[in-house]
């Protein structure tokens, strides 16, 4: 059996990162549907259910959407194509309004490992740090997704727990989620 060659390091891609707009909803749905189908263990939503949603149903992911619960969704564009997204949410309840949550981080497979996720995450953290009421940001990540865990750790997140069997796959397999947080100030 031949020895596997060392993985090549793909060069970083600089892309346009901006807030999601109403006109982006169909592209967002297309990206999300593809990611849910291709990586079912990475998301708590399931592809079949989400496929039935229309693009307009993601309007709540726009800045200030869902009655203010969605702070923003950032999108990454490369050559006019949506290649990544990240959303940040928070609650309005007084005792927890200082906590934001990163949800729905995704980068298309063909540009994975090229720095787009890091660019999205760093821009999201910069925006969160600019919100005076926010002090802490949390996220959950599939424990076996070592590349994502390393990315989050390199941006200052620490694991504070693991939810064993957080996701039950259609075949009955259980998937663990790491719970991570980062102080904003």
N, C-alpha and C. Protein backbone atom coordinates (compact mmCIF):
# COMPACT_ATOMS: atom_id res chain seq x y z
N UNK A 1 0.85 -1.18 0.00
CA UNK A 1 0.00 0.00 0.00
C UNK A 1 0.89 1.24 0.00
N UNK A 2 0.59 2.15 -0.87
CA UNK A 2 1.39 3.38 -0.98
C UNK A 2 1.12 4.29 0.20
N UNK A 3 2.17 4.97 0.60
CA UNK A 3 2.03 5.97 1.67
C UNK A 3 1.24 7.16 1.14
N UNK A 4 0.29 7.67 1.92
CA UNK A 4 -0.44 8.85 1.46
C UNK A 4 0.50 10.05 1.44
N UNK A 5 0.33 10.87 0.44
CA UNK A 5 1.17 12.07 0.36
C UNK A 5 0.68 13.10 1.37
N UNK A 6 1.56 13.99 1.75
CA UNK A 6 1.19 15.05 2.69
C UNK A 6 0.16 15.95 2.03
N UNK A 7 -0.85 16.36 2.80
CA UNK A 7 -1.87 17.22 2.21
C UNK A 7 -1.26 18.55 1.79
N UNK A 8 -1.71 19.04 0.66
CA UNK A 8 -1.20 20.33 0.22
C UNK A 8 -1.95 21.43 0.95
N UNK A 9 -1.27 22.50 1.20
CA UNK A 9 -1.87 23.64 1.86
C UNK A 9 -2.41 24.56 0.78
N UNK A 10 -3.71 24.73 0.77
CA UNK A 10 -4.34 25.60 -0.24
C UNK A 10 -4.12 27.06 0.15
N UNK A 11 -3.84 27.91 -0.82
CA UNK A 11 -3.65 29.32 -0.50
C UNK A 11 -4.94 29.95 0.00
N UNK A 12 -4.78 30.92 0.88
CA UNK A 12 -5.91 31.65 1.43
C UNK A 12 -6.60 32.42 0.31
N UNK A 13 -7.92 32.45 0.36
CA UNK A 13 -8.72 33.20 -0.60
C UNK A 13 -9.27 34.43 0.10
N UNK A 14 -9.08 35.58 -0.47
CA UNK A 14 -9.72 36.78 0.05
C UNK A 14 -11.04 36.95 -0.69
N UNK A 15 -12.10 37.08 0.06
CA UNK A 15 -13.42 37.20 -0.54
C UNK A 15 -14.11 38.43 0.04
N UNK A 16 -15.22 38.78 -0.56
CA UNK A 16 -16.01 39.90 -0.06
C UNK A 16 -16.90 39.38 1.06
N UNK A 17 -16.81 40.01 2.21
CA UNK A 17 -17.67 39.65 3.33
C UNK A 17 -18.56 40.85 3.62
N UNK A 18 -19.87 40.57 3.68
CA UNK A 18 -20.82 41.65 3.94
C UNK A 18 -22.07 41.09 4.62
N UNK A 19 -22.86 41.99 5.18
CA UNK A 19 -24.12 41.60 5.79
C UNK A 19 -25.05 41.03 4.73
N UNK A 20 -25.80 40.01 5.10
CA UNK A 20 -26.77 39.44 4.18
C UNK A 20 -27.88 40.46 3.92
N UNK A 21 -28.29 40.51 2.65
CA UNK A 21 -29.35 41.41 2.21
C UNK A 21 -30.57 40.59 1.80
N UNK A 22 -31.68 41.27 1.69
CA UNK A 22 -32.91 40.61 1.28
C UNK A 22 -32.73 39.90 -0.07
N UNK A 23 -32.01 40.53 -0.98
CA UNK A 23 -31.78 39.94 -2.31
C UNK A 23 -30.94 38.67 -2.25
N UNK A 24 -30.30 38.39 -1.12
CA UNK A 24 -29.43 37.22 -0.97
C UNK A 24 -30.17 35.99 -0.45
N UNK A 25 -31.43 36.13 -0.11
CA UNK A 25 -32.13 35.03 0.56
C UNK A 25 -32.14 33.74 -0.25
N UNK A 26 -32.36 33.81 -1.57
CA UNK A 26 -32.36 32.57 -2.37
C UNK A 26 -30.98 31.94 -2.41
N UNK A 27 -29.94 32.75 -2.56
CA UNK A 27 -28.58 32.21 -2.55
C UNK A 27 -28.26 31.57 -1.19
N UNK A 28 -28.72 32.21 -0.12
CA UNK A 28 -28.51 31.67 1.22
C UNK A 28 -29.20 30.31 1.36
N UNK A 29 -30.45 30.22 0.92
CA UNK A 29 -31.17 28.96 0.99
C UNK A 29 -30.45 27.87 0.19
N UNK A 30 -29.98 28.21 -0.99
CA UNK A 30 -29.26 27.24 -1.83
C UNK A 30 -28.00 26.74 -1.12
N UNK A 31 -27.23 27.67 -0.54
CA UNK A 31 -26.03 27.30 0.21
C UNK A 31 -26.40 26.41 1.39
N UNK A 32 -27.37 26.83 2.17
CA UNK A 32 -27.77 26.09 3.36
C UNK A 32 -28.29 24.70 3.00
N UNK A 33 -29.15 24.60 1.98
CA UNK A 33 -29.67 23.29 1.58
C UNK A 33 -28.53 22.35 1.20
N UNK A 34 -27.55 22.86 0.47
CA UNK A 34 -26.41 22.04 0.07
C UNK A 34 -25.57 21.61 1.26
N UNK A 35 -25.36 22.51 2.20
CA UNK A 35 -24.55 22.17 3.37
C UNK A 35 -25.28 21.16 4.26
N UNK A 36 -26.59 21.33 4.44
CA UNK A 36 -27.35 20.39 5.26
C UNK A 36 -27.34 18.99 4.65
N UNK A 37 -27.46 18.92 3.33
CA UNK A 37 -27.45 17.63 2.65
C UNK A 37 -26.07 16.98 2.69
N UNK A 38 -25.03 17.78 2.52
CA UNK A 38 -23.67 17.26 2.45
C UNK A 38 -23.02 17.00 3.79
N UNK A 39 -23.51 17.66 4.83
CA UNK A 39 -22.88 17.54 6.16
C UNK A 39 -23.96 17.43 7.23
N UNK A 40 -24.77 16.39 7.19
CA UNK A 40 -25.91 16.31 8.12
C UNK A 40 -25.51 16.28 9.59
N UNK A 41 -24.32 15.78 9.89
CA UNK A 41 -23.88 15.71 11.28
C UNK A 41 -23.45 17.06 11.84
N UNK A 42 -23.30 18.06 10.99
CA UNK A 42 -22.81 19.36 11.44
C UNK A 42 -23.93 20.31 11.86
N UNK A 43 -25.17 19.97 11.57
CA UNK A 43 -26.28 20.89 11.82
C UNK A 43 -27.38 20.20 12.61
N UNK A 44 -28.04 20.94 13.48
CA UNK A 44 -29.18 20.37 14.20
C UNK A 44 -30.41 20.32 13.31
N UNK A 45 -30.48 21.16 12.29
CA UNK A 45 -31.58 21.11 11.32
C UNK A 45 -31.34 19.95 10.36
N UNK A 46 -32.42 19.38 9.84
CA UNK A 46 -32.25 18.28 8.89
C UNK A 46 -32.59 18.75 7.47
N UNK A 47 -31.90 18.19 6.51
CA UNK A 47 -32.00 18.62 5.12
C UNK A 47 -33.40 18.48 4.57
N UNK A 48 -34.06 17.37 4.85
CA UNK A 48 -35.39 17.14 4.25
C UNK A 48 -36.39 18.20 4.71
N UNK A 49 -36.41 18.51 5.99
CA UNK A 49 -37.34 19.52 6.51
C UNK A 49 -37.00 20.90 5.96
N UNK A 50 -35.73 21.25 5.97
CA UNK A 50 -35.32 22.59 5.52
C UNK A 50 -35.53 22.78 4.02
N UNK A 51 -35.43 21.71 3.26
CA UNK A 51 -35.65 21.79 1.82
C UNK A 51 -37.07 22.28 1.50
N UNK A 52 -38.01 22.00 2.38
CA UNK A 52 -39.40 22.41 2.18
C UNK A 52 -39.63 23.90 2.45
N UNK A 53 -38.69 24.54 3.13
CA UNK A 53 -38.83 25.98 3.41
C UNK A 53 -38.56 26.78 2.14
N UNK A 54 -39.20 27.92 2.03
CA UNK A 54 -38.88 28.80 0.91
C UNK A 54 -37.84 29.82 1.36
N UNK A 55 -37.24 30.49 0.41
CA UNK A 55 -36.17 31.45 0.72
C UNK A 55 -36.64 32.55 1.65
N UNK A 56 -37.89 32.98 1.49
CA UNK A 56 -38.42 34.06 2.33
C UNK A 56 -38.44 33.69 3.81
N UNK A 57 -38.48 32.40 4.10
CA UNK A 57 -38.53 31.98 5.50
C UNK A 57 -37.23 32.31 6.24
N UNK A 58 -36.20 32.64 5.50
CA UNK A 58 -34.92 33.00 6.13
C UNK A 58 -34.80 34.50 6.37
N UNK A 59 -35.85 35.24 6.13
CA UNK A 59 -35.85 36.69 6.36
C UNK A 59 -35.43 37.02 7.80
N UNK A 60 -35.79 36.17 8.74
CA UNK A 60 -35.42 36.38 10.14
C UNK A 60 -33.92 36.37 10.37
N UNK A 61 -33.14 35.88 9.41
CA UNK A 61 -31.68 35.86 9.54
C UNK A 61 -31.04 37.19 9.13
N UNK A 62 -31.84 38.10 8.58
CA UNK A 62 -31.32 39.42 8.23
C UNK A 62 -31.03 40.20 9.50
N UNK A 63 -30.18 41.20 9.43
CA UNK A 63 -29.85 42.02 10.60
C UNK A 63 -31.11 42.55 11.25
N UNK A 64 -31.22 42.33 12.55
CA UNK A 64 -32.38 42.79 13.29
C UNK A 64 -33.60 41.92 13.09
N UNK A 65 -33.47 40.83 12.36
CA UNK A 65 -34.61 39.95 12.09
C UNK A 65 -35.07 39.22 13.33
N UNK A 66 -36.19 38.54 13.20
CA UNK A 66 -36.80 37.79 14.31
C UNK A 66 -37.00 38.68 15.53
N UNK A 67 -37.51 39.88 15.30
CA UNK A 67 -37.78 40.79 16.41
C UNK A 67 -36.54 41.25 17.12
N UNK A 68 -35.43 41.28 16.42
CA UNK A 68 -34.17 41.72 17.01
C UNK A 68 -33.31 40.60 17.55
N UNK A 69 -33.82 39.36 17.56
CA UNK A 69 -33.05 38.23 18.09
C UNK A 69 -31.85 37.92 17.21
N UNK A 70 -31.97 38.16 15.90
CA UNK A 70 -30.83 37.93 15.01
C UNK A 70 -30.06 39.24 14.91
N UNK A 71 -28.85 39.23 15.41
CA UNK A 71 -28.02 40.43 15.30
C UNK A 71 -27.63 40.67 13.86
N UNK A 72 -27.15 39.60 13.19
CA UNK A 72 -26.73 39.72 11.79
C UNK A 72 -26.40 38.36 11.22
N UNK A 73 -26.38 38.31 9.90
CA UNK A 73 -25.81 37.19 9.16
C UNK A 73 -24.80 37.79 8.21
N UNK A 74 -23.58 37.31 8.29
CA UNK A 74 -22.53 37.72 7.36
C UNK A 74 -22.45 36.69 6.25
N UNK A 75 -22.19 37.18 5.05
CA UNK A 75 -22.05 36.30 3.90
C UNK A 75 -20.68 36.51 3.27
N UNK A 76 -20.14 35.45 2.70
CA UNK A 76 -18.85 35.51 2.01
C UNK A 76 -19.10 35.24 0.53
N UNK A 77 -18.60 36.12 -0.32
CA UNK A 77 -18.82 36.05 -1.76
C UNK A 77 -17.50 35.95 -2.48
N UNK A 78 -17.45 35.07 -3.46
CA UNK A 78 -16.26 34.88 -4.28
C UNK A 78 -16.73 34.83 -5.72
N UNK A 79 -16.26 35.77 -6.52
CA UNK A 79 -16.64 35.84 -7.94
C UNK A 79 -18.16 35.83 -8.12
N UNK A 80 -18.86 36.58 -7.27
CA UNK A 80 -20.31 36.71 -7.38
C UNK A 80 -21.10 35.53 -6.85
N UNK A 81 -20.43 34.55 -6.25
CA UNK A 81 -21.11 33.36 -5.72
C UNK A 81 -21.01 33.34 -4.20
N UNK A 82 -22.14 33.05 -3.54
CA UNK A 82 -22.14 32.91 -2.08
C UNK A 82 -21.42 31.62 -1.71
N UNK A 83 -20.34 31.75 -0.94
CA UNK A 83 -19.53 30.58 -0.59
C UNK A 83 -19.50 30.31 0.91
N UNK A 84 -20.07 31.21 1.71
CA UNK A 84 -20.07 30.99 3.15
C UNK A 84 -20.98 31.95 3.86
N UNK A 85 -21.33 31.59 5.10
CA UNK A 85 -22.20 32.44 5.92
C UNK A 85 -22.01 32.09 7.39
N UNK A 86 -22.34 33.06 8.22
CA UNK A 86 -22.34 32.89 9.67
C UNK A 86 -23.40 33.82 10.23
N UNK A 87 -24.18 33.33 11.19
CA UNK A 87 -25.21 34.15 11.82
C UNK A 87 -24.90 34.30 13.30
N UNK A 88 -25.30 35.44 13.85
CA UNK A 88 -25.15 35.70 15.28
C UNK A 88 -26.49 36.14 15.83
N UNK A 89 -26.87 35.53 16.95
CA UNK A 89 -28.16 35.80 17.59
C UNK A 89 -27.94 36.16 19.04
N UNK A 90 -28.98 36.75 19.63
CA UNK A 90 -28.98 36.96 21.07
C UNK A 90 -30.42 37.10 21.54
N UNK A 91 -30.60 36.99 22.83
CA UNK A 91 -31.93 37.12 23.40
C UNK A 91 -32.08 38.50 24.01
N UNK A 92 -33.31 38.95 24.08
CA UNK A 92 -33.59 40.26 24.66
C UNK A 92 -33.80 40.20 26.17
N UNK A 93 -33.95 38.98 26.72
CA UNK A 93 -34.18 38.88 28.17
C UNK A 93 -33.04 39.54 28.93
N UNK A 94 -33.39 40.35 29.91
CA UNK A 94 -32.44 41.21 30.61
C UNK A 94 -31.24 40.44 31.17
N UNK A 95 -31.46 39.31 31.78
CA UNK A 95 -30.37 38.60 32.45
C UNK A 95 -29.39 37.93 31.49
N UNK A 96 -29.78 37.73 30.24
CA UNK A 96 -28.89 37.06 29.30
C UNK A 96 -28.64 37.87 28.03
N UNK A 97 -29.03 39.11 28.01
CA UNK A 97 -28.84 39.90 26.79
C UNK A 97 -27.38 40.24 26.53
N UNK A 98 -26.50 39.95 27.47
CA UNK A 98 -25.06 40.17 27.28
C UNK A 98 -24.39 39.00 26.54
N UNK A 99 -25.18 37.95 26.21
CA UNK A 99 -24.65 36.75 25.57
C UNK A 99 -25.14 36.66 24.13
N UNK A 100 -24.21 36.49 23.20
CA UNK A 100 -24.55 36.26 21.79
C UNK A 100 -24.26 34.80 21.46
N UNK A 101 -24.86 34.32 20.38
CA UNK A 101 -24.68 32.93 19.96
C UNK A 101 -24.35 32.90 18.47
N UNK A 102 -23.29 32.21 18.12
CA UNK A 102 -22.95 31.98 16.72
C UNK A 102 -23.69 30.72 16.28
N UNK A 103 -24.41 30.84 15.17
CA UNK A 103 -25.17 29.70 14.64
C UNK A 103 -24.97 29.64 13.13
N UNK A 104 -25.14 28.46 12.57
CA UNK A 104 -25.17 28.32 11.12
C UNK A 104 -23.90 28.71 10.38
N UNK A 105 -22.74 28.44 10.95
CA UNK A 105 -21.48 28.70 10.25
C UNK A 105 -21.32 27.67 9.15
N UNK A 106 -21.09 28.14 7.92
CA UNK A 106 -20.93 27.19 6.80
C UNK A 106 -20.07 27.79 5.71
N UNK A 107 -19.27 26.91 5.09
CA UNK A 107 -18.41 27.29 3.96
C UNK A 107 -18.50 26.16 2.94
N UNK A 108 -18.72 26.54 1.69
CA UNK A 108 -18.86 25.54 0.62
C UNK A 108 -17.63 24.64 0.56
N UNK A 109 -17.87 23.37 0.26
CA UNK A 109 -16.80 22.38 0.24
C UNK A 109 -15.64 22.75 -0.68
N UNK A 110 -15.95 23.29 -1.86
CA UNK A 110 -14.89 23.55 -2.83
C UNK A 110 -13.92 24.66 -2.41
N UNK A 111 -14.26 25.43 -1.38
CA UNK A 111 -13.33 26.46 -0.88
C UNK A 111 -12.97 26.22 0.58
N UNK A 112 -13.36 25.05 1.09
CA UNK A 112 -13.04 24.71 2.48
C UNK A 112 -11.53 24.66 2.67
N UNK A 113 -11.08 25.15 3.81
CA UNK A 113 -9.66 25.13 4.12
C UNK A 113 -8.88 26.27 3.50
N UNK A 114 -9.57 27.26 2.97
CA UNK A 114 -8.91 28.38 2.28
C UNK A 114 -9.01 29.70 3.06
N UNK A 115 -9.43 29.63 4.33
CA UNK A 115 -9.46 30.82 5.18
C UNK A 115 -10.77 31.59 5.18
N UNK A 116 -11.76 31.13 4.45
CA UNK A 116 -13.04 31.87 4.40
C UNK A 116 -13.77 31.78 5.73
N UNK A 117 -13.76 30.61 6.35
CA UNK A 117 -14.39 30.48 7.66
C UNK A 117 -13.75 31.39 8.68
N UNK A 118 -12.42 31.47 8.65
CA UNK A 118 -11.70 32.36 9.58
C UNK A 118 -12.08 33.82 9.32
N UNK A 119 -12.16 34.22 8.05
CA UNK A 119 -12.54 35.59 7.73
C UNK A 119 -13.95 35.90 8.24
N UNK A 120 -14.88 34.97 8.03
CA UNK A 120 -16.25 35.17 8.52
C UNK A 120 -16.26 35.28 10.04
N UNK A 121 -15.58 34.36 10.71
CA UNK A 121 -15.58 34.35 12.17
C UNK A 121 -14.93 35.61 12.73
N UNK A 122 -13.80 36.02 12.17
CA UNK A 122 -13.12 37.21 12.68
C UNK A 122 -13.98 38.46 12.48
N UNK A 123 -14.64 38.57 11.33
CA UNK A 123 -15.51 39.73 11.10
C UNK A 123 -16.70 39.70 12.06
N UNK A 124 -17.27 38.53 12.28
CA UNK A 124 -18.38 38.40 13.23
C UNK A 124 -17.94 38.83 14.63
N UNK A 125 -16.78 38.38 15.06
CA UNK A 125 -16.28 38.76 16.39
C UNK A 125 -16.05 40.26 16.48
N UNK A 126 -15.54 40.85 15.42
CA UNK A 126 -15.32 42.29 15.41
C UNK A 126 -16.66 43.03 15.58
N UNK A 127 -17.69 42.59 14.87
CA UNK A 127 -19.00 43.22 15.00
C UNK A 127 -19.58 43.02 16.40
N UNK A 128 -19.42 41.80 16.94
CA UNK A 128 -19.92 41.53 18.29
C UNK A 128 -19.20 42.38 19.33
N UNK A 129 -17.89 42.55 19.16
CA UNK A 129 -17.12 43.38 20.11
C UNK A 129 -17.56 44.84 20.06
N UNK A 130 -18.14 45.25 18.95
CA UNK A 130 -18.64 46.62 18.81
C UNK A 130 -19.99 46.85 19.45
N UNK A 131 -20.64 45.80 19.92
CA UNK A 131 -21.94 45.92 20.60
C UNK A 131 -21.69 46.06 22.10
N UNK A 132 -21.90 47.26 22.67
CA UNK A 132 -21.53 47.50 24.07
C UNK A 132 -22.19 46.58 25.09
N UNK A 133 -23.39 46.09 24.80
CA UNK A 133 -24.10 45.25 25.77
C UNK A 133 -23.55 43.83 25.80
N UNK A 134 -22.88 43.39 24.74
CA UNK A 134 -22.42 42.01 24.65
C UNK A 134 -21.09 41.81 25.37
N UNK A 135 -21.00 40.71 26.12
CA UNK A 135 -19.78 40.38 26.85
C UNK A 135 -19.27 38.97 26.55
N UNK A 136 -20.14 38.11 26.03
CA UNK A 136 -19.79 36.71 25.86
C UNK A 136 -20.46 36.20 24.58
N UNK A 137 -19.76 35.31 23.87
CA UNK A 137 -20.35 34.67 22.69
C UNK A 137 -20.16 33.16 22.83
N UNK A 138 -21.20 32.41 22.46
CA UNK A 138 -21.16 30.96 22.56
C UNK A 138 -21.40 30.34 21.19
N UNK A 139 -21.08 29.06 21.07
CA UNK A 139 -21.40 28.29 19.88
C UNK A 139 -21.34 26.82 20.25
N UNK A 140 -21.90 26.00 19.37
CA UNK A 140 -21.73 24.56 19.51
C UNK A 140 -21.18 24.05 18.18
N UNK A 141 -20.35 23.03 18.27
CA UNK A 141 -19.69 22.48 17.08
C UNK A 141 -19.63 20.96 17.24
N UNK A 142 -19.83 20.26 16.14
CA UNK A 142 -19.72 18.81 16.17
C UNK A 142 -18.32 18.44 16.68
N UNK A 143 -18.29 17.66 17.75
CA UNK A 143 -17.02 17.36 18.43
C UNK A 143 -16.01 16.71 17.49
N UNK A 144 -16.46 15.93 16.52
CA UNK A 144 -15.54 15.25 15.61
C UNK A 144 -15.06 16.14 14.46
N UNK A 145 -15.55 17.37 14.38
CA UNK A 145 -15.13 18.30 13.34
C UNK A 145 -13.88 19.04 13.84
N UNK A 146 -12.75 18.34 13.80
CA UNK A 146 -11.52 18.86 14.40
C UNK A 146 -11.04 20.15 13.76
N UNK A 147 -11.23 20.31 12.46
CA UNK A 147 -10.80 21.55 11.80
C UNK A 147 -11.59 22.74 12.34
N UNK A 148 -12.89 22.58 12.51
CA UNK A 148 -13.71 23.67 13.04
C UNK A 148 -13.35 23.97 14.50
N UNK A 149 -13.15 22.92 15.28
CA UNK A 149 -12.77 23.11 16.69
C UNK A 149 -11.45 23.89 16.75
N UNK A 150 -10.47 23.51 15.92
CA UNK A 150 -9.18 24.23 15.91
C UNK A 150 -9.37 25.69 15.51
N UNK A 151 -10.22 25.95 14.52
CA UNK A 151 -10.48 27.33 14.11
C UNK A 151 -11.04 28.13 15.28
N UNK A 152 -12.05 27.59 15.94
CA UNK A 152 -12.66 28.32 17.06
C UNK A 152 -11.66 28.54 18.19
N UNK A 153 -10.87 27.52 18.50
CA UNK A 153 -9.86 27.67 19.55
C UNK A 153 -8.84 28.74 19.17
N UNK A 154 -8.44 28.78 17.91
CA UNK A 154 -7.44 29.77 17.48
C UNK A 154 -7.98 31.20 17.54
N UNK A 155 -9.30 31.33 17.59
CA UNK A 155 -9.93 32.65 17.71
C UNK A 155 -10.37 32.94 19.14
N UNK A 156 -9.87 32.16 20.09
CA UNK A 156 -10.09 32.45 21.50
C UNK A 156 -11.23 31.73 22.19
N UNK A 157 -11.91 30.82 21.50
CA UNK A 157 -12.99 30.07 22.13
C UNK A 157 -12.40 28.94 22.97
N UNK A 158 -13.07 28.65 24.08
CA UNK A 158 -12.68 27.52 24.91
C UNK A 158 -13.89 26.59 25.06
N UNK A 159 -13.60 25.31 25.16
CA UNK A 159 -14.67 24.33 25.34
C UNK A 159 -15.04 24.31 26.81
N UNK A 160 -16.32 24.51 27.09
CA UNK A 160 -16.78 24.46 28.47
C UNK A 160 -17.65 23.24 28.74
N UNK A 161 -17.88 22.45 27.71
CA UNK A 161 -18.66 21.23 27.93
C UNK A 161 -18.85 20.46 26.64
N UNK A 162 -19.41 19.29 26.79
CA UNK A 162 -19.73 18.45 25.64
C UNK A 162 -21.12 17.86 25.89
N UNK A 163 -21.99 18.06 24.92
CA UNK A 163 -23.32 17.49 24.98
C UNK A 163 -23.28 16.17 24.23
N UNK A 164 -23.21 15.10 25.00
CA UNK A 164 -23.11 13.76 24.43
C UNK A 164 -24.44 13.40 23.75
N UNK A 165 -24.35 12.91 22.53
CA UNK A 165 -25.55 12.50 21.82
C UNK A 165 -26.47 13.66 21.48
N UNK A 166 -25.90 14.82 21.21
CA UNK A 166 -26.70 16.02 20.95
C UNK A 166 -27.57 15.89 19.71
N UNK A 167 -27.09 15.16 18.72
CA UNK A 167 -27.82 14.98 17.48
C UNK A 167 -28.02 13.49 17.26
N UNK A 168 -29.25 13.11 16.92
CA UNK A 168 -29.53 11.72 16.58
C UNK A 168 -29.78 11.65 15.09
N UNK A 169 -28.89 10.98 14.39
CA UNK A 169 -28.96 10.86 12.94
C UNK A 169 -30.06 9.87 12.56
N UNK A 170 -30.56 9.95 11.31
CA UNK A 170 -31.62 9.03 10.88
C UNK A 170 -31.26 7.55 11.03
N UNK A 171 -29.95 7.23 10.95
CA UNK A 171 -29.53 5.83 11.11
C UNK A 171 -29.38 5.42 12.58
N UNK A 172 -29.73 6.34 13.50
CA UNK A 172 -29.65 6.06 14.93
C UNK A 172 -28.34 6.46 15.57
N UNK A 173 -27.34 6.80 14.76
CA UNK A 173 -26.04 7.20 15.28
C UNK A 173 -26.17 8.51 16.05
N UNK A 174 -25.49 8.60 17.20
CA UNK A 174 -25.50 9.81 18.02
C UNK A 174 -24.22 10.61 17.78
N UNK A 175 -24.38 11.90 17.68
CA UNK A 175 -23.26 12.81 17.41
C UNK A 175 -23.13 13.78 18.59
N UNK A 176 -21.92 13.91 19.11
CA UNK A 176 -21.65 14.81 20.23
C UNK A 176 -21.37 16.22 19.73
N UNK A 177 -21.74 17.21 20.54
CA UNK A 177 -21.45 18.60 20.25
C UNK A 177 -20.59 19.18 21.36
N UNK A 178 -19.52 19.88 20.97
CA UNK A 178 -18.73 20.64 21.93
C UNK A 178 -19.39 21.99 22.11
N UNK A 179 -19.47 22.44 23.35
CA UNK A 179 -20.02 23.74 23.68
C UNK A 179 -18.83 24.66 23.97
N UNK A 180 -18.76 25.79 23.28
CA UNK A 180 -17.60 26.67 23.38
C UNK A 180 -18.06 28.11 23.66
N UNK A 181 -17.19 28.87 24.30
CA UNK A 181 -17.49 30.27 24.55
C UNK A 181 -16.22 31.12 24.46
N UNK A 182 -16.45 32.40 24.31
CA UNK A 182 -15.35 33.37 24.23
C UNK A 182 -15.81 34.67 24.84
N UNK A 183 -14.98 35.24 25.68
CA UNK A 183 -15.27 36.56 26.26
C UNK A 183 -15.03 37.63 25.20
N UNK A 184 -15.91 38.59 25.12
CA UNK A 184 -15.75 39.70 24.19
C UNK A 184 -15.08 40.89 24.86
N UNK A 185 -15.17 40.96 26.15
CA UNK A 185 -14.52 42.03 26.93
C UNK A 185 -14.32 41.57 28.35
